Protein backbone atom coordinates (compact mmCIF):
# COMPACT_ATOMS: atom_id res chain seq x y z
CA MET A 1 -2.36 8.34 7.50
CA LYS A 2 0.62 8.70 9.84
CA LYS A 3 3.99 9.36 8.25
CA PHE A 4 5.87 7.10 10.64
CA ILE A 5 7.51 3.71 10.03
CA PRO A 6 7.54 1.36 13.03
CA LEU A 7 10.86 0.14 14.35
CA LEU A 8 9.86 -3.39 13.42
CA ILE A 9 10.02 -2.52 9.74
CA THR A 10 12.80 0.08 9.62
CA THR A 11 15.39 -2.29 11.12
CA LEU A 12 15.37 -4.56 8.07
CA ILE A 13 18.68 -6.18 7.09
CA LEU A 14 21.22 -4.52 4.83
CA SER A 15 22.00 -7.62 2.74
CA ALA A 16 19.52 -9.91 1.06
CA CYS A 17 18.57 -13.27 2.47
CA LEU A 18 17.08 -15.02 -0.52
CA PRO A 19 15.79 -18.60 -0.39
CA GLY A 20 17.87 -21.36 -1.91
CA ASN A 21 15.09 -23.87 -2.47
CA ILE A 22 13.07 -22.33 -5.33
CA GLN A 23 12.09 -25.30 -7.46
CA ILE A 24 12.49 -24.27 -11.11
CA PRO A 25 15.02 -21.80 -12.56
CA GLN A 26 13.50 -19.41 -15.08
CA SER A 27 14.51 -19.58 -18.71
CA PRO A 28 15.83 -16.24 -20.04
CA LEU A 29 13.21 -16.58 -22.78
CA LEU A 30 10.28 -16.71 -20.34
CA SER A 31 10.14 -12.95 -19.86
CA LYS A 32 9.75 -12.53 -23.62
CA LEU A 33 7.41 -15.42 -24.34
CA GLU A 34 5.00 -15.35 -21.41
CA ARG A 35 1.64 -13.66 -21.83
CA LYS A 36 1.80 -10.12 -20.47
CA ALA A 37 -0.80 -8.67 -18.11
CA GLY A 38 -1.02 -4.94 -17.48
CA LEU A 39 1.96 -2.66 -16.89
CA ILE A 40 4.32 -2.00 -13.99
CA ALA A 41 5.22 1.49 -12.82
CA TYR A 42 8.34 1.89 -10.71
CA VAL A 43 10.90 4.29 -9.31
CA GLY A 44 14.22 3.34 -10.85
CA ALA A 45 17.52 3.24 -9.00
CA ASP A 46 18.31 6.60 -10.61
CA GLY A 47 15.22 8.17 -9.00
CA ASN A 48 13.20 8.47 -12.22
CA ILE A 49 9.75 7.06 -13.03
CA TYR A 50 9.50 4.16 -15.49
CA VAL A 51 6.74 1.99 -16.92
CA SER A 52 7.23 -1.39 -18.60
CA ASP A 53 5.52 -4.72 -19.02
CA GLN A 54 6.48 -7.62 -16.74
CA GLY A 55 9.18 -8.77 -19.13
CA GLY A 56 10.86 -5.37 -19.23
CA GLY A 57 9.49 -4.63 -22.70
CA HIS A 58 7.91 -1.38 -23.93
CA LYS A 59 9.87 0.52 -21.30
CA VAL A 60 9.09 4.23 -21.11
CA ALA A 61 10.83 6.83 -18.93
CA TYR A 62 8.39 9.50 -17.75
CA THR A 63 11.10 11.59 -16.08
CA ASP A 64 14.78 11.98 -16.89
CA ASN A 65 16.09 14.67 -14.55
CA ALA A 66 16.37 12.89 -11.23
CA LYS A 67 19.56 13.60 -9.31
CA ILE A 68 20.84 11.33 -6.56
CA PRO A 69 23.02 13.40 -4.19
CA GLU A 70 26.64 12.33 -3.89
CA THR A 71 27.04 13.96 -0.47
CA GLN A 72 24.71 14.75 2.42
CA THR A 73 24.73 18.45 1.53
CA ALA A 74 24.33 18.14 -2.25
CA ALA A 75 21.25 19.05 -4.29
CA PHE A 76 18.74 16.28 -5.02
CA GLN A 77 15.78 15.61 -7.30
CA TYR A 78 13.82 12.38 -7.25
CA TYR A 79 10.34 10.97 -7.82
CA GLU A 80 8.12 8.72 -5.74
CA TYR A 81 4.62 7.33 -5.02
CA PRO A 82 3.67 6.05 -8.53
CA THR A 83 -0.09 5.39 -8.45
CA TRP A 84 -2.19 3.96 -11.29
CA SER A 85 -5.64 5.16 -12.28
CA VAL A 86 -8.25 2.42 -12.22
CA ASP A 87 -8.43 2.18 -16.03
CA GLY A 88 -4.64 2.15 -16.38
CA ASN A 89 -4.62 5.16 -18.70
CA HIS A 90 -2.92 7.51 -16.26
CA LEU A 91 -0.16 7.36 -13.69
CA ALA A 92 0.26 9.92 -10.93
CA PHE A 93 3.51 10.52 -9.06
CA VAL A 94 5.27 13.07 -6.87
CA GLY A 95 8.56 14.91 -7.37
CA LEU A 96 10.74 16.22 -4.57
CA SER A 97 13.76 18.52 -4.86
CA GLY A 98 16.01 20.35 -2.46
CA GLU A 99 19.46 20.43 -0.98
CA GLY A 100 20.99 18.47 1.87
CA SER A 101 18.21 17.33 4.19
CA THR A 102 15.83 20.13 3.22
CA ALA A 103 13.16 19.79 0.54
CA SER A 104 12.48 23.11 -1.20
CA GLU A 105 9.81 22.07 -3.71
CA SER A 106 7.26 19.31 -4.22
CA THR A 107 5.53 18.66 -7.53
CA LEU A 108 2.57 16.53 -8.57
CA HIS A 109 2.56 14.91 -12.01
CA ILE A 110 0.07 12.90 -14.07
CA ALA A 111 1.30 10.83 -16.99
CA ASP A 112 -0.83 9.91 -20.00
CA ILE A 113 0.13 6.33 -20.80
CA GLN A 114 -1.15 6.44 -24.38
CA GLU A 115 0.67 9.68 -25.12
CA LYS A 116 3.74 8.49 -23.21
CA LYS A 117 4.31 11.83 -21.54
CA ALA A 118 3.78 13.36 -18.10
CA GLN A 119 2.41 16.76 -17.15
CA LYS A 120 3.26 18.70 -14.01
CA MET A 121 -0.08 19.55 -12.41
CA TYR A 122 1.21 21.82 -9.65
CA SER A 123 4.20 22.64 -7.49
CA SER A 124 4.52 23.90 -3.92
CA GLN A 125 7.24 25.06 -1.57
CA SER A 126 5.17 24.37 1.53
CA GLU A 127 2.96 21.34 0.80
CA ASN A 128 4.46 17.87 0.46
CA PRO A 129 2.14 15.23 -1.09
CA PHE A 130 2.85 11.72 0.20
CA TYR A 131 -0.18 9.53 -0.55
CA LEU A 132 -2.23 9.36 -3.79
CA TYR A 133 -5.59 7.63 -4.35
CA TRP A 134 -7.59 7.93 -7.60
CA SER A 135 -11.35 8.36 -7.63
CA PRO A 136 -13.12 5.26 -9.02
CA ASP A 137 -14.19 7.18 -12.16
CA ASP A 138 -10.55 8.29 -12.75
CA GLU A 139 -11.63 11.90 -13.18
CA THR A 140 -9.87 13.19 -10.08
CA LEU A 141 -6.82 12.31 -8.04
CA ALA A 142 -7.15 12.68 -4.27
CA TYR A 143 -3.98 13.13 -2.28
CA LEU A 144 -2.73 13.78 1.23
CA SER A 145 -0.07 16.38 1.92
CA THR A 146 1.73 17.74 4.93
CA ASN A 147 2.32 21.43 5.49
CA SER A 148 5.58 22.80 6.83
CA ALA A 149 3.65 25.34 8.91
CA SER A 150 1.22 22.86 10.49
CA GLN A 151 1.09 19.42 12.07
CA SER A 152 -2.17 18.73 10.24
CA MET A 153 -2.61 16.88 6.96
CA MET A 154 -4.63 18.21 4.06
CA LEU A 155 -6.79 16.07 1.78
CA GLN A 156 -7.12 17.63 -1.66
CA SER A 157 -8.25 16.55 -5.12
CA ILE A 158 -7.07 17.61 -8.54
CA SER A 159 -8.98 17.30 -11.81
CA VAL A 160 -7.28 15.35 -14.59
CA LYS A 161 -9.19 17.38 -17.16
CA ASP A 162 -8.40 20.94 -16.13
CA GLY A 163 -6.01 20.72 -13.17
CA GLY A 164 -8.44 22.41 -10.81
CA ARG A 165 -7.74 21.73 -7.14
CA THR A 166 -10.21 21.35 -4.29
CA THR A 167 -9.48 21.20 -0.57
CA ILE A 168 -11.63 18.41 0.86
CA ASP A 169 -10.71 18.11 4.53
CA THR A 170 -7.92 18.37 7.09
CA GLY A 171 -6.85 16.28 10.06
CA ALA A 172 -4.09 14.08 11.40
CA PRO A 173 -3.79 11.20 11.05
CA PHE A 174 -6.07 10.84 8.03
CA TYR A 175 -7.49 7.74 6.33
CA TRP A 176 -10.30 7.38 3.82
CA SER A 177 -12.13 5.09 1.43
CA TRP A 178 -13.90 6.09 -1.79
CA SER A 179 -17.41 4.83 -2.45
CA PRO A 180 -17.26 2.66 -5.61
CA ASP A 181 -19.26 5.23 -7.59
CA GLY A 182 -16.97 8.07 -6.50
CA SER A 183 -19.80 10.17 -5.06
CA ALA A 184 -18.62 10.00 -1.45
CA MET A 185 -15.82 9.12 0.94
CA ILE A 186 -15.82 7.73 4.42
CA VAL A 187 -12.98 9.21 6.47
CA HIS A 188 -11.34 8.39 9.79
CA THR A 189 -9.30 11.25 11.16
CA GLY A 190 -8.29 13.19 14.25
CA SER A 191 -6.48 12.25 17.45
CA GLU A 192 -6.74 12.69 21.18
CA THR A 193 -3.82 15.12 21.16
CA SER A 194 -4.82 17.32 18.20
CA SER A 195 -7.35 20.11 17.75
CA VAL A 196 -9.43 17.69 15.62
CA PRO A 197 -11.04 14.96 17.77
CA VAL A 198 -11.12 11.38 16.53
CA HIS A 199 -14.19 10.81 14.36
CA LEU A 200 -15.73 9.02 11.39
CA SER A 201 -17.55 10.98 8.71
CA PHE A 202 -19.10 10.70 5.29
CA LEU A 203 -17.97 13.36 2.83
CA GLN A 204 -20.34 13.89 -0.10
CA MET A 205 -18.41 15.00 -3.18
CA GLY A 206 -19.69 17.80 -5.41
CA SER A 207 -19.31 21.51 -6.00
CA ASP A 208 -19.60 21.79 -2.22
CA ILE A 209 -18.21 19.16 0.17
CA VAL A 210 -20.90 18.10 2.65
CA GLU A 211 -19.81 16.34 5.85
CA ASP A 212 -22.06 13.98 7.79
CA GLN A 213 -20.39 12.78 10.98
CA LEU A 214 -21.20 9.29 12.32
CA ASP A 215 -22.17 8.64 15.92
CA THR A 216 -19.88 5.59 15.95
CA VAL A 217 -16.93 5.96 18.34
CA PRO A 218 -13.83 4.67 16.51
CA ALA A 219 -11.62 2.09 18.18
CA ALA A 220 -7.91 1.54 17.44
CA PHE A 221 -7.71 1.12 13.68
CA GLN A 222 -6.60 3.07 10.60
CA ALA A 223 -8.43 2.92 7.27
CA PRO A 224 -12.16 2.30 6.84
CA ALA A 225 -13.01 0.21 3.79
CA TRP A 226 -15.99 0.43 1.45
CA SER A 227 -16.83 -2.92 -0.10
CA PRO A 228 -16.07 -3.05 -3.85
CA ASP A 229 -19.76 -3.73 -4.60
CA GLY A 230 -20.73 -0.59 -2.67
CA GLU A 231 -23.11 -2.40 -0.31
CA HIS A 232 -21.14 -2.40 2.95
CA ILE A 233 -18.43 -0.64 4.93
CA LEU A 234 -15.87 -2.09 7.33
CA LEU A 235 -15.19 -0.04 10.44
CA SER A 236 -13.93 -0.51 13.95
CA ARG A 237 -15.72 0.87 17.00
CA LEU A 238 -15.85 0.79 20.77
CA ASN A 239 -18.96 -1.21 21.62
CA ASP A 240 -21.26 -0.83 24.63
CA GLN A 241 -18.88 -2.96 26.74
CA ASN A 242 -16.01 -0.65 25.75
CA LYS A 243 -14.38 -3.40 23.67
CA ASN A 244 -12.66 -2.94 20.30
CA GLU A 245 -14.91 -4.41 17.64
CA ILE A 246 -14.71 -4.81 13.84
CA ILE A 247 -18.17 -4.15 12.42
CA LEU A 248 -20.00 -4.29 9.13
CA THR A 249 -22.33 -1.42 8.25
CA ASP A 250 -24.50 -0.69 5.26
CA ALA A 251 -23.52 1.97 2.73
CA HIS A 252 -25.02 4.67 4.96
CA GLY A 253 -23.02 3.69 8.05
CA LYS A 254 -25.89 1.86 9.77
CA PHE A 255 -24.70 -1.04 11.93
CA GLU A 256 -25.38 -4.51 10.50
CA LYS A 257 -23.27 -6.94 12.51
CA ALA A 258 -20.07 -7.38 14.50
CA LEU A 259 -17.37 -9.53 12.92
CA SER A 260 -14.79 -9.81 15.69
CA THR A 261 -13.29 -8.20 18.78
CA TYR A 262 -9.61 -7.47 19.32
CA ASP A 263 -7.33 -6.14 22.05
CA ILE A 264 -4.72 -3.70 20.69
CA ALA A 265 -5.27 -2.70 17.04
CA THR A 266 -6.51 -4.05 13.74
CA ALA A 267 -6.27 -3.52 9.98
CA PHE A 268 -8.43 -5.11 7.30
CA ALA A 269 -8.98 -5.48 3.56
CA TRP A 270 -11.91 -6.57 1.39
CA SER A 271 -11.54 -9.18 -1.31
CA TYR A 272 -12.50 -7.65 -4.65
CA ASP A 273 -15.63 -9.82 -4.94
CA SER A 274 -16.84 -8.34 -1.60
CA GLU A 275 -17.31 -11.81 -0.08
CA LEU A 276 -14.17 -12.18 2.03
CA VAL A 277 -12.41 -10.05 4.63
CA ALA A 278 -8.80 -10.40 5.74
CA TYR A 279 -7.87 -8.74 9.01
CA VAL A 280 -4.92 -8.69 11.38
CA ASP A 281 -5.61 -8.92 15.12
CA GLY A 282 -2.71 -6.88 16.47
CA GLU A 283 -0.81 -8.44 19.33
CA THR A 284 2.19 -6.07 19.44
CA PRO A 285 1.95 -2.31 20.15
CA MET A 286 3.31 -0.35 17.18
CA THR A 287 3.62 3.30 16.20
CA ALA A 288 1.69 2.56 13.01
CA GLY A 289 0.07 -0.51 11.54
CA THR A 290 -0.37 -3.77 13.39
CA LEU A 291 1.35 -7.12 13.84
CA GLY A 292 -0.44 -10.28 14.89
CA LYS A 293 -2.73 -13.09 13.84
CA LEU A 294 -4.20 -12.97 10.34
CA HIS A 295 -7.84 -14.05 9.98
CA VAL A 296 -9.78 -14.62 6.77
CA LEU A 297 -13.57 -14.46 7.06
CA ASP A 298 -16.17 -15.68 4.58
CA LEU A 299 -19.04 -13.25 4.96
CA THR A 300 -21.47 -15.54 3.14
CA ASN A 301 -21.42 -18.00 6.06
CA SER A 302 -19.52 -16.06 8.78
CA GLU A 303 -16.76 -18.70 8.79
CA ASP A 304 -13.29 -17.73 10.01
CA PHE A 305 -11.66 -20.32 7.78
CA PHE A 306 -7.96 -19.40 7.91
CA GLN A 307 -5.53 -18.03 10.47
CA ASP A 308 -1.78 -17.49 10.60
CA ASP A 309 0.46 -15.80 13.15
CA ASN A 310 2.92 -12.91 13.03
CA VAL A 311 1.48 -11.12 9.97
CA VAL A 312 2.11 -7.46 9.20
CA ALA A 313 0.30 -6.92 5.87
CA ALA A 314 -1.95 -8.69 3.34
CA PHE A 315 -3.02 -8.03 -0.27
CA TRP A 316 -5.83 -9.74 -2.22
CA SER A 317 -5.43 -10.96 -5.80
CA PRO A 318 -7.81 -9.39 -8.35
CA ASN A 319 -9.96 -12.54 -8.59
CA SER A 320 -10.16 -12.89 -4.77
CA LYS A 321 -8.87 -16.47 -4.95
CA LYS A 322 -5.46 -15.74 -3.41
CA LEU A 323 -4.15 -13.64 -0.57
CA ALA A 324 -0.51 -12.56 -0.38
CA TYR A 325 0.69 -11.75 3.12
CA PHE A 326 3.96 -10.88 4.80
CA LYS A 327 5.55 -12.20 8.00
CA PRO A 328 8.61 -10.51 9.54
CA ILE A 329 11.18 -12.88 11.06
CA LEU A 330 14.55 -12.53 12.79
CA VAL A 331 17.41 -14.43 11.14
CA ASP A 332 21.06 -15.14 11.76
CA PRO A 333 22.99 -12.79 9.43
CA ASN A 334 25.68 -15.40 8.86
CA THR A 335 23.51 -18.40 7.99
CA GLY A 336 20.16 -16.94 6.98
CA GLU A 337 18.50 -19.38 9.39
CA THR A 338 15.94 -18.37 12.01
CA ALA A 339 17.67 -16.62 14.89
CA THR A 340 17.88 -18.21 18.32
CA SER A 341 18.42 -16.67 21.75
CA ASP A 342 22.17 -17.16 21.21
CA THR A 343 22.30 -15.33 17.87
CA SER A 344 24.50 -12.25 17.89
CA SER A 345 22.91 -9.19 16.20
CA PRO A 346 19.95 -10.93 14.54
CA VAL A 347 18.43 -9.21 11.54
CA LEU A 348 14.91 -8.99 10.17
CA VAL A 349 13.59 -10.29 6.83
CA LEU A 350 10.13 -10.76 5.34
CA GLU A 351 8.47 -13.98 4.28
CA LEU A 352 5.92 -13.80 1.48
CA HIS A 353 3.11 -16.34 1.87
CA VAL A 354 0.25 -16.94 -0.55
CA LEU A 355 -3.08 -18.36 0.62
CA ASP A 356 -5.22 -20.38 -1.79
CA VAL A 357 -8.78 -19.58 -0.78
CA ASN A 358 -10.34 -22.69 -2.32
CA SER A 359 -8.12 -25.11 -0.40
CA ALA A 360 -7.55 -22.83 2.64
CA GLU A 361 -3.87 -23.77 2.36
CA SER A 362 -0.97 -21.35 2.51
CA LYS A 363 2.50 -21.63 1.03
CA GLU A 364 5.70 -19.75 1.76
CA VAL A 365 6.75 -18.39 -1.62
CA PHE A 366 9.71 -16.08 -1.06
CA LYS A 367 11.99 -14.69 1.64
CA PHE A 368 13.52 -11.30 0.97
CA GLN A 369 14.75 -7.93 2.19
CA PRO A 370 12.42 -5.18 1.00
CA THR A 371 13.57 -1.73 0.06
CA ASN A 372 12.73 0.96 2.59
CA GLN A 373 10.12 2.34 0.20
CA PHE A 374 8.28 -0.98 0.05
CA ALA A 375 8.67 -1.61 3.78
CA SER A 376 7.13 1.80 4.51
CA ILE A 377 3.77 0.87 2.93
CA LEU A 378 3.29 -2.35 4.92
CA PRO A 379 2.10 -0.70 8.17
CA TYR A 380 -0.52 1.05 6.03
CA PHE A 381 -1.59 -1.90 3.90
CA ASP A 382 -5.25 -1.30 4.81
CA GLN A 383 -5.04 2.08 3.02
CA TYR A 384 -2.66 1.10 0.20
CA HIS A 385 -4.74 -1.98 -0.62
CA GLN A 386 -7.42 0.42 -1.83
CA SER A 387 -5.19 2.62 -4.01
CA THR A 388 -2.49 0.31 -5.39
CA THR A 389 -1.81 -3.34 -6.14
CA ILE A 390 1.27 -5.57 -6.20
CA TRP A 391 -0.68 -8.28 -8.08
CA SER A 392 -0.72 -8.78 -11.85
CA PRO A 393 -4.19 -8.42 -13.42
CA ASP A 394 -4.14 -12.12 -14.37
CA ASN A 395 -3.50 -13.20 -10.73
CA ASN A 396 -0.35 -15.12 -11.64
CA ASN A 397 2.45 -12.87 -10.39
CA LEU A 398 3.41 -10.25 -7.84
CA VAL A 399 5.85 -7.37 -8.12
CA LEU A 400 8.11 -6.80 -5.11
CA SER A 401 10.79 -4.22 -4.37
CA LEU A 402 13.86 -5.70 -2.71
CA PHE A 403 17.61 -5.73 -2.32
CA THR A 404 19.60 -8.34 -4.23
CA ASN A 405 22.57 -10.25 -2.85
CA ASP A 406 24.99 -7.47 -3.75
CA GLY A 407 22.84 -4.80 -2.09
CA THR A 408 21.36 -3.40 -5.30
CA PRO A 409 17.71 -2.25 -5.04
CA GLY A 410 15.63 -4.21 -7.54
CA ILE A 411 12.14 -4.75 -8.89
CA ALA A 412 11.34 -8.48 -8.99
CA ILE A 413 8.55 -10.53 -10.55
CA ILE A 414 7.44 -13.33 -8.22
CA ALA A 415 5.27 -16.23 -9.41
CA ALA A 416 2.36 -16.60 -6.97
CA SER A 417 2.62 -20.38 -7.36
CA GLY A 418 6.08 -20.35 -5.83
CA GLN A 419 7.22 -22.76 -8.55
CA LEU A 420 9.57 -20.38 -10.37
CA GLU A 421 12.61 -18.44 -9.29
CA PRO A 422 12.04 -14.71 -8.85
CA ARG A 423 12.99 -12.68 -11.92
CA LEU A 424 14.65 -9.28 -11.71
CA LEU A 425 12.81 -6.77 -13.88
CA ASP A 426 15.09 -3.78 -13.32
CA THR A 427 16.90 -1.90 -10.60
CA GLY A 428 14.58 0.26 -8.54
CA TYR A 429 13.02 1.12 -5.20
CA ILE A 430 9.23 0.71 -5.40
CA ALA A 431 6.81 -0.72 -7.98
CA PHE A 432 3.10 -1.26 -8.46
CA TRP A 433 1.14 -3.17 -11.10
CA SER A 434 -1.64 -1.52 -13.07
CA TRP A 435 -5.17 -2.66 -12.22
CA LYS A 436 -5.89 -3.69 -15.81
């Protein structure tokens, strides 16, 4: 992955622009009475890691020593990147400390949810972990880190059982997808300007890491994606006519069929039943990620049954019946209305839309200003879709990280139906729902 946030996302507005036409106000009792599904992990406004249910109940703090600097030169300590294991029994996160603008130490932690305590697995003064992705069997945590002495990224894994670390591969940028049985990865790494050329490879996990490089020439895309049922892989290649092409392969990387061509860049995500694919056909050059027309394909009949314009990211619900996606728009900072050519200093907000797969109809659910932490994952949704989820396990709600009207960072529960007002769970910067 690239550690860059495109200008499109980083110029988000500094005050919220929340919709005024949500149909039904929420009763204060709803958060207590509604059926709970899974748990939510989040970085609080104080920089610590918390876990609670969607009503704010059973709240547990897994860190308590975060320090938000009062000046630009003061010491700091904060935590980030909360990432759930597949079974929901563990939560991994990263700590960062230093002074001024310089980080002096990074730490990696794994919390035991049943025991309600976290353990520091390792610390480093030179490596900075920034992306976490659990193996499907939850026995190891794979993570990417940068090194202060190198422009390359390092992919490592750490054992939950004994804390043993293994270096898997290096490269920059770096994207990967676990096979559903955890025995292998498919990786996309390298660049035209680095010592590692662009390539696609299978990495067989074991006591020794065995690499098998594919002959496929990658086109402009980021993360490959193994289908949840393990039968197929989504890739992008340059075809014989030198065109960018999204393709479907079997589990061994053998070409099966082409799904679509595109001009600039693309990003895609499997539905969890392995029957649907959502992809963005990029129409705007960006440093990372892509912005353009969203397509939803039904692989059972090859039908491209839904499209929408100006989409930057998309996330499937667990039951594959809904797709949440985000559209950036420019608005007038004074009225909150869509900006025109005469608008002075227009600002950018995000619209959340939810597609109902059965009806092929989409609904705008919420308009909001995301926190920088949430905005930073959107260009990499194709990778984050595989390691985290913003959906509740029961498919009814989403958790978003946003700024409220007074500029406070908050964690909000959003009904996917769009029929209830958003509910603030707590103050905080980034949140993810557990898978179960």
